Amino acid sequence: MDFAKTIDRLAREKQFNDAYELAVQWTEEFPQEAKAWGKLGNVYSQQGRHTEAVSAYEHAAHLNPADPVACFKLGQTRHRLQDFAGAAEAFGKCEAAAEAVGESADQYAGASILGAAYCFAKLGDAAGAREALERAHDDDSSSLSGSAQNKAEVAKAVEMALAAPRVAPVVKKAVF
């Protein structure tokens, strides 16, 4: 059985309980398989169980620290939980892992840099946010909200978040 494909199919069909049961079975049968833990994190996230998703993604990233996908999803999920320091850390690990993997993971590197910039802004760390933006390429985009935001749009959102923290929820919705 191809666990990954079956879990993805079940999730697409909104059969989250079945996807969850299969993901748990996969982690029990192959506890050292990072991809299994990543899929479990995905199912948790799709169910809105973000705290459990963080644990699964952390385990996946621990088993395979060179996997930019697990680190990126960890950053995304920590962001959803408003753990901006943890999200920035995960995005930093994703950036490093993506750069080590090379061109095939460039989208994760760029999205992680922009995600980290936003998290630094949410933490009030203007220097960290601006430094991250300096590392970003003009064609990088972040799609943490499902709609792509380019570097210039994220830079504007970062500046708005730093200038007026009270509007940050509006900016967060626009960017993430």
Protein backbone atom coordinates (compact mmCIF):
# COMPACT_ATOMS: atom_id res chain seq x y z
CA MET A 1 0.00 0.00 0.00
CA ASP A 2 1.20 3.49 -0.79
CA PHE A 3 0.40 5.22 2.48
CA ALA A 4 1.16 8.74 1.23
CA LYS A 5 -1.06 8.57 -1.85
CA THR A 6 -3.91 6.96 0.05
CA ILE A 7 -3.75 9.54 2.85
CA ASP A 8 -3.69 12.36 0.30
CA ARG A 9 -6.69 10.86 -1.54
CA LEU A 10 -8.65 10.44 1.68
CA ALA A 11 -7.89 14.01 2.70
CA ARG A 12 -8.95 15.35 -0.72
CA GLU A 13 -12.20 13.43 -0.28
CA LYS A 14 -12.58 15.03 3.18
CA GLN A 15 -12.38 11.62 4.86
CA PHE A 16 -10.19 13.02 7.60
CA ASN A 17 -10.89 10.31 10.18
CA ASP A 18 -9.83 7.60 7.74
CA ALA A 19 -6.79 9.66 6.70
CA TYR A 20 -5.90 10.12 10.38
CA GLU A 21 -6.22 6.40 11.15
CA LEU A 22 -4.03 5.48 8.19
CA ALA A 23 -1.41 8.13 9.09
CA VAL A 24 -1.27 6.83 12.67
CA GLN A 25 -0.93 3.26 11.35
CA TRP A 26 1.95 4.40 9.12
CA THR A 27 3.78 6.08 12.03
CA GLU A 28 3.27 2.97 14.17
CA GLU A 29 4.53 0.58 11.49
CA PHE A 30 7.40 2.82 10.40
CA PRO A 31 8.22 5.13 13.35
CA GLN A 32 11.49 6.30 11.78
CA GLU A 33 9.82 7.39 8.52
CA ALA A 34 9.82 11.19 8.48
CA LYS A 35 7.30 11.33 5.63
CA ALA A 36 4.79 9.39 7.76
CA TRP A 37 5.03 11.98 10.52
CA GLY A 38 4.70 14.78 7.99
CA LYS A 39 1.51 13.24 6.61
CA LEU A 40 0.17 12.87 10.14
CA GLY A 41 0.93 16.57 10.66
CA ASN A 42 -0.95 17.39 7.46
CA VAL A 43 -4.02 15.47 8.62
CA TYR A 44 -3.93 17.14 12.03
CA SER A 45 -3.63 20.54 10.34
CA GLN A 46 -6.55 19.80 8.01
CA GLN A 47 -8.60 18.89 11.08
CA GLY A 48 -7.67 22.18 12.76
CA ARG A 49 -5.62 20.32 15.39
CA HIS A 50 -2.63 22.63 15.07
CA THR A 51 -0.97 21.80 18.38
CA GLU A 52 -0.85 18.11 17.44
CA ALA A 53 0.32 19.07 13.94
CA VAL A 54 3.26 20.96 15.46
CA SER A 55 4.31 17.83 17.36
CA ALA A 56 4.09 15.67 14.23
CA TYR A 57 6.01 18.18 12.09
CA GLU A 58 8.66 18.56 14.82
CA HIS A 59 9.12 14.80 14.83
CA ALA A 60 9.35 14.71 11.02
CA ALA A 61 11.93 17.52 11.05
CA HIS A 62 13.88 15.74 13.80
CA LEU A 63 13.98 12.52 11.78
CA ASN A 64 15.01 14.36 8.60
CA PRO A 65 16.40 17.83 9.35
CA ALA A 66 17.34 18.22 5.67
CA ASP A 67 13.66 18.16 4.63
CA PRO A 68 12.55 21.73 3.87
CA VAL A 69 8.90 20.68 3.58
CA ALA A 70 8.60 19.51 7.19
CA CYS A 71 10.35 22.64 8.46
CA PHE A 72 8.16 24.89 6.31
CA LYS A 73 4.94 23.23 7.47
CA LEU A 74 6.18 23.50 11.05
CA GLY A 75 6.67 27.24 10.50
CA GLN A 76 3.24 27.59 8.90
CA THR A 77 1.54 25.79 11.76
CA ARG A 78 3.40 27.67 14.49
CA HIS A 79 2.38 30.87 12.69
CA ARG A 80 -1.27 29.78 12.81
CA LEU A 81 -0.86 29.30 16.56
CA GLN A 82 0.66 32.81 16.75
CA ASP A 83 3.94 31.33 17.99
CA PHE A 84 5.92 33.81 15.91
CA ALA A 85 9.27 33.07 17.55
CA GLY A 86 8.86 29.34 16.92
CA ALA A 87 7.64 30.00 13.37
CA ALA A 88 10.65 32.23 12.62
CA GLU A 89 12.97 29.51 13.94
CA ALA A 90 11.30 26.84 11.80
CA PHE A 91 11.40 29.09 8.74
CA GLY A 92 15.13 29.62 9.37
CA LYS A 93 15.69 25.87 9.43
CA CYS A 94 13.62 25.52 6.27
CA GLU A 95 15.70 28.14 4.51
CA ALA A 96 18.92 26.32 5.42
CA ALA A 97 17.52 22.93 4.43
CA ALA A 98 16.18 24.28 1.14
CA GLU A 99 19.51 25.85 0.26
CA ALA A 100 21.26 22.55 1.00
CA VAL A 101 18.83 20.66 -1.24
CA GLY A 102 19.29 23.13 -4.06
CA GLU A 103 17.18 24.44 -6.89
CA SER A 104 14.37 21.91 -6.44
CA ALA A 105 13.51 23.51 -3.08
CA ASP A 106 13.92 27.19 -4.01
CA GLN A 107 10.23 27.97 -3.45
CA TYR A 108 10.56 26.84 0.17
CA ALA A 109 13.64 28.99 0.73
CA GLY A 110 11.95 32.11 -0.63
CA ALA A 111 8.66 31.53 1.15
CA SER A 112 10.51 30.83 4.40
CA ILE A 113 12.50 34.04 4.18
CA LEU A 114 9.33 36.05 3.66
CA GLY A 115 7.51 34.14 6.40
CA ALA A 116 10.37 34.79 8.81
CA ALA A 117 10.33 38.49 7.91
CA TYR A 118 6.67 38.71 8.81
CA CYS A 119 7.17 36.78 12.06
CA PHE A 120 10.05 39.06 13.06
CA ALA A 121 7.78 42.04 12.40
CA LYS A 122 5.05 40.50 14.59
CA LEU A 123 7.67 40.13 17.33
CA GLY A 124 8.66 43.80 16.93
CA ASP A 125 12.10 42.84 15.64
CA ALA A 126 12.48 45.41 12.85
CA ALA A 127 16.14 44.58 12.27
CA GLY A 128 15.38 40.86 11.90
CA ALA A 129 12.47 41.56 9.56
CA ARG A 130 14.47 43.89 7.36
CA GLU A 131 17.49 41.56 7.31
CA ALA A 132 15.27 38.71 6.15
CA LEU A 133 13.77 40.90 3.43
CA GLU A 134 17.29 41.78 2.24
CA ARG A 135 17.97 38.04 1.71
CA ALA A 136 14.79 37.60 -0.32
CA HIS A 137 14.81 37.69 -4.08
CA ASP A 138 12.38 39.87 -6.00
CA ASP A 139 10.67 36.82 -7.48
CA ASP A 140 10.22 35.05 -4.13
CA SER A 141 6.66 34.59 -2.99
CA SER A 142 4.93 33.41 0.12
CA SER A 143 1.60 31.67 -0.10
CA LEU A 144 0.91 30.92 3.52
CA SER A 145 -2.63 32.23 3.09
CA GLY A 146 -3.26 30.37 -0.12
CA SER A 147 -2.72 33.46 -2.25
CA ALA A 148 0.79 34.36 -3.32
CA GLN A 149 2.38 37.52 -1.95
CA ASN A 150 5.58 38.73 -3.57
CA LYS A 151 8.54 40.30 -1.83
CA ALA A 152 7.29 43.87 -2.31
CA GLU A 153 3.85 43.02 -0.89
CA VAL A 154 5.37 41.27 2.12
CA ALA A 155 7.77 44.20 2.66
CA LYS A 156 4.80 46.58 2.71
CA ALA A 157 2.93 44.34 5.17
CA VAL A 158 6.05 44.11 7.36
CA GLU A 159 6.39 47.89 7.42
CA MET A 160 2.72 48.26 8.29
CA ALA A 161 3.01 45.70 11.08
CA LEU A 162 6.07 47.46 12.49
CA ALA A 163 4.50 50.93 12.21
CA ALA A 164 1.07 50.09 13.60
CA PRO A 165 0.85 46.80 15.51
CA ARG A 166 -2.87 47.35 16.04
CA VAL A 167 -3.50 46.72 12.31
CA ALA A 168 -1.43 43.54 12.30
CA PRO A 169 -4.47 41.19 12.22
CA VAL A 170 -5.61 42.81 8.97
CA VAL A 171 -2.11 42.59 7.56
CA LYS A 172 -1.79 38.98 8.71
CA LYS A 173 -4.96 38.06 6.86
CA ALA A 174 -3.69 39.76 3.72
CA VAL A 175 -0.26 38.15 3.82
CA PHE A 176 -0.85 34.80 5.46
